[in-house]
Amino acid sequence: HYDPFMNNQDMLLRTAYGYKTLGMPRLGMENNIGNIDARMMQQFMMDNITPKKILIVASGVKSHREYVDLVRERLGELSAVPEHKYQREASQYIGGEYRTWTETPQTNISVVFESAPWKSADVHSFYVMQTLIGSATAFSSGGPGKGMYCRAITNLMQLYDFVDSASAINSHFTDSGLFGMTIEGPGSHSAELMQVLLQELHRLREPIPDQELARAKNILKMNVLMALERQDERLEEIARNFMTFGDLTFAQYCEKIDAVTSESINRAASKALAGKPTMLVTGGAINLVPSVTEVARQLN
């Protein structure tokens, strides 16, 4: 199955951060396979798989003592690697634009801005913003009423017949974050697609009606609680929490979501949108989309 937009996520990150740190492709570069040898693998293990970087979690343990003994017996060997003074390079957001032609009559546009790292107080505002915009596709499986009340559907899909899909983009990392939107439609409407995407981002600076805000917060809380329903998922969240914050924060998710206000969303959105945009345009009619400088000018 040919997907003309398959590499969009990797290309967007590469445009935002360059050929290093968060900009490197998740699955590595194909032309690098020949360079990987035993020494390189060993070096990677010594840098990354070390006692201080390993966290072992378990749930449903009957005897803690027995569990500790088992871990020592099975994984003790793994952790014997000496600690290195290896420091991961902090990512630096650079922004910019990248256009690439792919064989399709559609145009896909993504516009993102640097948002906030995991430890920022604004993370919850960005998550509520993501839920407010939501996601819409011209064809979606599932029952009726699914996601009916998000802006991607009510403001974009239902109003403009040239919008085939639209959704919010929201990613947080240890030292950076990205927030924005992606939209897709026929190449003949490339300029209008960009226009309505920017209009939607701009609306995040305006007061959010109470009813809409409450609905977005409830949907987000439901999604969080459903994602933590299973024991193995909770265990993974505990591990991620501890690795990121050195603490367990998942019990506070709902309270933090409840604390988000229209003002905190407007503030976080205004700060992000005032920064330098990153724009990725893929598809057939990529030359019809305005430049990234035009995007920045229109938003500010």
Protein backbone atom coordinates (compact mmCIF):
# COMPACT_ATOMS: atom_id res chain seq x y z
CA HIS A 1 0.00 0.00 0.00
CA TYR A 2 1.61 3.27 -1.17
CA ASP A 3 1.33 6.10 1.33
CA PRO A 4 2.69 9.40 -0.07
CA PHE A 5 2.83 10.91 3.44
CA MET A 6 4.48 7.98 5.22
CA ASN A 7 7.67 9.85 6.21
CA ASN A 8 6.02 13.12 7.21
CA GLN A 9 6.67 12.75 10.94
CA ASP A 10 10.41 12.14 10.46
CA MET A 11 10.68 14.99 7.93
CA LEU A 12 8.82 17.40 10.21
CA LEU A 13 11.17 16.67 13.14
CA ARG A 14 14.20 16.96 10.86
CA THR A 15 13.02 20.38 9.63
CA ALA A 16 12.39 21.51 13.22
CA TYR A 17 15.67 20.26 14.75
CA GLY A 18 18.12 19.63 11.87
CA TYR A 19 20.13 16.44 11.26
CA LYS A 20 20.81 15.69 14.93
CA THR A 21 19.12 15.01 18.29
CA LEU A 22 15.31 14.93 17.79
CA GLY A 23 15.75 15.44 14.04
CA MET A 24 17.36 12.04 13.49
CA PRO A 25 15.01 9.41 11.98
CA ARG A 26 13.50 7.07 14.55
CA LEU A 27 14.46 3.93 12.63
CA GLY A 28 17.91 5.21 11.65
CA MET A 29 19.25 5.86 8.17
CA GLU A 30 19.30 3.03 5.66
CA ASN A 31 22.71 4.01 4.31
CA ASN A 32 24.17 3.63 7.82
CA ILE A 33 23.56 -0.11 8.07
CA GLY A 34 26.95 -0.92 6.54
CA ASN A 35 28.71 1.18 9.24
CA ILE A 36 27.29 -0.74 12.20
CA ASP A 37 29.83 -3.18 13.62
CA ALA A 38 30.41 -4.96 16.95
CA ARG A 39 32.53 -2.10 18.31
CA MET A 40 29.83 0.49 17.59
CA MET A 41 27.16 -1.69 19.24
CA GLN A 42 29.39 -2.16 22.28
CA GLN A 43 29.98 1.58 22.52
CA PHE A 44 26.21 2.20 22.32
CA MET A 45 25.61 -0.26 25.18
CA MET A 46 28.32 1.32 27.33
CA ASP A 47 26.80 4.77 26.76
CA ASN A 48 23.14 3.86 27.21
CA ILE A 49 22.55 0.56 29.00
CA THR A 50 24.20 1.37 32.32
CA PRO A 51 23.09 0.80 35.94
CA LYS A 52 22.04 4.42 36.48
CA LYS A 53 19.96 4.42 33.29
CA ILE A 54 18.14 1.14 33.92
CA LEU A 55 14.84 1.09 35.78
CA ILE A 56 13.17 -2.23 36.58
CA VAL A 57 9.50 -2.15 37.58
CA ALA A 58 6.98 -4.88 38.34
CA SER A 59 3.42 -5.19 39.60
CA GLY A 60 1.54 -7.99 41.33
CA VAL A 61 4.72 -9.15 43.10
CA LYS A 62 3.93 -11.51 46.00
CA SER A 63 7.40 -11.57 47.57
CA HIS A 64 9.61 -8.51 47.18
CA ARG A 65 12.69 -10.43 48.36
CA GLU A 66 12.19 -13.15 45.76
CA TYR A 67 11.67 -10.52 43.05
CA VAL A 68 14.92 -8.71 43.93
CA ASP A 69 16.84 -12.01 43.92
CA LEU A 70 15.41 -12.94 40.52
CA VAL A 71 16.35 -9.55 39.04
CA ARG A 72 19.90 -9.91 40.41
CA GLU A 73 20.21 -13.41 39.04
CA ARG A 74 18.80 -12.68 35.56
CA LEU A 75 19.83 -9.07 34.95
CA GLY A 76 22.85 -8.64 37.22
CA GLU A 77 25.19 -9.38 34.30
CA LEU A 78 23.57 -6.73 32.12
CA SER A 79 24.27 -3.93 34.56
CA ALA A 80 27.96 -4.64 35.04
CA VAL A 81 28.84 -2.08 32.34
CA PRO A 82 30.90 0.77 33.86
CA GLU A 83 29.17 4.17 34.04
CA HIS A 84 30.36 6.53 31.34
CA LYS A 85 30.32 10.29 31.52
CA TYR A 86 28.10 10.18 28.42
CA GLN A 87 25.95 13.28 28.05
CA ARG A 88 23.19 13.38 25.48
CA GLU A 89 23.29 16.57 23.41
CA ALA A 90 20.35 18.88 24.17
CA SER A 91 18.07 19.44 21.20
CA GLN A 92 17.88 22.89 19.65
CA TYR A 93 14.82 24.02 17.78
CA ILE A 94 15.70 25.75 14.50
CA GLY A 95 12.46 25.80 12.46
CA GLY A 96 12.18 26.49 8.75
CA GLU A 97 10.38 24.94 5.81
CA TYR A 98 10.70 21.80 3.71
CA ARG A 99 8.73 20.96 0.57
CA THR A 100 8.88 17.61 -1.13
CA TRP A 101 6.96 16.41 -4.17
CA THR A 102 5.20 13.07 -3.86
CA GLU A 103 3.04 11.34 -6.40
CA THR A 104 -0.48 12.23 -5.32
CA PRO A 105 -3.17 14.78 -6.28
CA GLN A 106 -3.41 15.68 -2.57
CA THR A 107 -1.46 18.31 -0.64
CA ASN A 108 -0.52 17.72 2.99
CA ILE A 109 0.59 20.72 5.10
CA SER A 110 1.97 20.60 8.64
CA VAL A 111 2.77 23.76 10.58
CA VAL A 112 4.26 23.47 14.09
CA PHE A 113 5.94 25.73 16.65
CA GLU A 114 8.21 24.99 19.58
CA SER A 115 5.95 24.45 22.58
CA ALA A 116 7.14 23.10 25.95
CA PRO A 117 9.24 20.26 27.42
CA TRP A 118 7.69 17.63 29.74
CA LYS A 119 8.57 19.49 32.95
CA SER A 120 6.83 22.71 31.87
CA ALA A 121 3.64 23.82 33.64
CA ASP A 122 2.10 24.43 30.20
CA VAL A 123 2.06 20.76 29.14
CA HIS A 124 -1.54 20.25 30.32
CA SER A 125 -2.72 23.36 28.45
CA PHE A 126 -1.19 21.98 25.24
CA TYR A 127 -2.96 18.65 25.77
CA VAL A 128 -6.31 20.38 26.23
CA MET A 129 -5.58 22.46 23.09
CA GLN A 130 -4.87 19.24 21.19
CA THR A 131 -8.24 17.85 22.33
CA LEU A 132 -10.05 21.09 21.43
CA ILE A 133 -8.80 20.87 17.84
CA GLY A 134 -9.01 17.07 17.78
CA SER A 135 -8.81 15.22 14.51
CA ALA A 136 -11.06 14.69 11.51
CA THR A 137 -10.86 12.43 8.49
CA ALA A 138 -13.23 12.25 5.53
CA PHE A 139 -13.64 8.54 6.18
CA SER A 140 -13.46 7.16 9.69
CA SER A 141 -14.45 3.78 11.03
CA GLY A 142 -16.42 3.47 14.24
CA GLY A 143 -19.87 4.35 15.46
CA PRO A 144 -21.78 7.62 15.03
CA GLY A 145 -21.03 10.63 17.19
CA LYS A 146 -17.37 9.78 17.54
CA GLY A 147 -15.44 13.01 18.05
CA MET A 148 -18.29 15.11 16.66
CA TYR A 149 -17.49 18.17 18.72
CA CYS A 150 -13.90 19.02 17.97
CA ARG A 151 -12.84 22.05 15.95
CA ALA A 152 -11.23 19.97 13.19
CA ILE A 153 -14.73 18.66 12.44
CA THR A 154 -17.01 21.62 13.24
CA ASN A 155 -14.77 24.47 11.97
CA LEU A 156 -12.90 22.75 9.16
CA MET A 157 -14.44 19.56 7.80
CA GLN A 158 -18.09 20.64 7.96
CA LEU A 159 -17.46 24.16 6.63
CA TYR A 160 -14.98 23.54 3.83
CA ASP A 161 -15.51 20.81 1.26
CA PHE A 162 -11.81 20.89 0.30
CA VAL A 163 -10.63 19.68 3.74
CA ASP A 164 -10.16 15.90 3.62
CA SER A 165 -8.47 15.61 7.00
CA ALA A 166 -7.15 17.85 9.75
CA SER A 167 -5.70 17.25 13.20
CA ALA A 168 -3.64 18.80 15.97
CA ILE A 169 0.04 17.87 16.42
CA ASN A 170 1.28 17.80 20.00
CA SER A 171 4.62 16.29 21.10
CA HIS A 172 6.64 16.84 24.26
CA PHE A 173 10.25 15.85 24.84
CA THR A 174 12.72 16.21 27.73
CA ASP A 175 14.13 19.48 26.40
CA SER A 176 11.63 20.76 23.83
CA GLY A 177 8.17 20.24 22.38
CA LEU A 178 6.13 20.87 19.23
CA PHE A 179 2.56 22.06 18.80
CA GLY A 180 0.66 22.77 15.61
CA MET A 181 -1.64 21.28 13.01
CA THR A 182 -1.68 19.16 9.91
CA ILE A 183 -4.25 19.45 7.11
CA GLU A 184 -4.84 17.60 3.85
CA GLY A 185 -6.92 18.22 0.75
CA PRO A 186 -6.84 18.43 -3.06
CA GLY A 187 -3.74 20.14 -4.50
CA SER A 188 -5.94 22.67 -6.34
CA HIS A 189 -6.89 24.14 -2.93
CA SER A 190 -3.36 24.22 -1.44
CA ALA A 191 -3.43 27.97 -0.63
CA GLU A 192 -6.90 27.78 0.99
CA LEU A 193 -5.82 24.77 3.09
CA MET A 194 -3.00 26.87 4.54
CA GLN A 195 -5.39 29.78 5.11
CA VAL A 196 -7.91 27.78 7.18
CA LEU A 197 -5.12 26.01 9.14
CA LEU A 198 -3.65 29.37 10.22
CA GLN A 199 -7.13 30.68 11.06
CA GLU A 200 -7.63 27.70 13.38
CA LEU A 201 -4.27 28.16 15.14
CA HIS A 202 -5.03 31.87 15.60
CA ARG A 203 -8.35 31.03 17.32
CA LEU A 204 -6.41 29.45 20.20
CA ARG A 205 -5.44 32.98 21.25
CA GLU A 206 -9.10 33.94 21.64
CA PRO A 207 -11.24 33.15 24.74
CA ILE A 208 -12.45 29.52 24.77
CA PRO A 209 -16.20 29.17 25.56
CA ASP A 210 -16.80 27.43 28.94
CA GLN A 211 -18.89 24.63 27.48
CA GLU A 212 -16.30 23.79 24.81
CA LEU A 213 -13.47 23.90 27.34
CA ALA A 214 -15.34 21.62 29.78
CA ARG A 215 -16.08 19.15 26.98
CA ALA A 216 -12.44 19.04 25.84
CA LYS A 217 -11.24 18.53 29.43
CA ASN A 218 -13.74 15.69 29.99
CA ILE A 219 -12.74 13.95 26.73
CA LEU A 220 -9.06 14.26 27.63
CA LYS A 221 -9.61 12.87 31.16
CA MET A 222 -11.61 9.97 29.74
CA ASN A 223 -8.80 9.22 27.24
CA VAL A 224 -6.17 9.32 30.02
CA LEU A 225 -8.17 7.04 32.33
CA MET A 226 -8.92 4.58 29.54
CA ALA A 227 -5.23 4.50 28.60
CA LEU A 228 -4.39 3.57 32.21
CA GLU A 229 -7.08 0.92 32.57
CA ARG A 230 -4.81 -2.09 32.22
CA GLN A 231 -2.20 -3.03 34.79
CA ASP A 232 0.65 -3.34 32.26
CA GLU A 233 -0.16 0.14 30.88
CA ARG A 234 -0.10 1.63 34.38
CA LEU A 235 3.23 -0.07 35.00
CA GLU A 236 4.72 1.44 31.84
CA GLU A 237 3.39 4.88 32.84
CA ILE A 238 4.99 4.50 36.30
CA ALA A 239 8.34 3.70 34.65
CA ARG A 240 8.09 6.63 32.22
CA ASN A 241 7.04 8.99 35.05
CA PHE A 242 9.98 7.99 37.19
CA MET A 243 12.49 8.23 34.33
CA THR A 244 11.19 11.68 33.31
CA PHE A 245 10.34 13.36 36.62
CA GLY A 246 12.06 11.20 39.26
CA ASP A 247 8.58 11.02 40.81
CA LEU A 248 5.16 9.49 40.16
CA THR A 249 2.89 12.15 38.65
CA PHE A 250 0.18 10.11 36.89
CA ALA A 251 -2.18 10.32 39.88
CA GLN A 252 -2.31 14.11 39.36
CA TYR A 253 -3.15 14.08 35.63
CA CYS A 254 -6.88 14.71 36.08
CA GLU A 255 -6.40 17.50 38.65
CA LYS A 256 -3.88 19.22 36.35
CA ILE A 257 -6.31 18.96 33.41
CA ASP A 258 -9.12 20.42 35.56
CA ALA A 259 -6.86 23.36 36.46
CA VAL A 260 -6.44 24.41 32.79
CA THR A 261 -8.28 27.67 32.01
CA SER A 262 -9.08 29.63 28.85
CA GLU A 263 -6.41 32.14 29.95
CA SER A 264 -3.72 29.46 30.38
CA ILE A 265 -4.51 28.13 26.88
CA ASN A 266 -4.44 31.63 25.33
CA ARG A 267 -1.14 32.38 27.10
CA ALA A 268 0.56 29.11 26.04
CA ALA A 269 -0.76 29.42 22.45
CA SER A 270 0.32 33.07 22.11
CA LYS A 271 3.81 32.26 23.36
CA ALA A 272 4.21 29.29 20.98
CA LEU A 273 2.74 31.06 17.92
CA ALA A 274 5.04 34.06 18.41
CA GLY A 275 8.03 31.78 17.76
CA LYS A 276 9.54 30.62 14.49
CA PRO A 277 7.31 28.20 12.54
CA THR A 278 8.33 24.86 11.06
CA MET A 279 6.46 23.97 7.89
CA LEU A 280 6.34 20.74 5.91
CA VAL A 281 4.52 20.57 2.58
CA THR A 282 4.20 17.25 0.76
CA GLY A 283 2.10 16.21 -2.22
CA GLY A 284 1.56 17.29 -5.80
CA ALA A 285 0.95 21.06 -5.79
CA ILE A 286 3.58 22.05 -3.22
CA ASN A 287 4.45 25.32 -5.01
CA LEU A 288 0.96 26.77 -4.41
CA VAL A 289 1.46 26.95 -0.62
CA PRO A 290 2.72 30.31 0.80
CA SER A 291 6.25 30.45 2.27
CA VAL A 292 7.10 30.01 5.95
CA THR A 293 7.89 33.76 6.26
CA GLU A 294 4.39 34.51 4.97
CA VAL A 295 3.02 32.11 7.63
CA ALA A 296 4.91 33.92 10.41
CA ARG A 297 3.73 37.29 9.07
CA GLN A 298 0.07 36.23 8.96
CA LEU A 299 0.13 34.86 12.51
CA ASN A 300 1.81 37.93 13.97
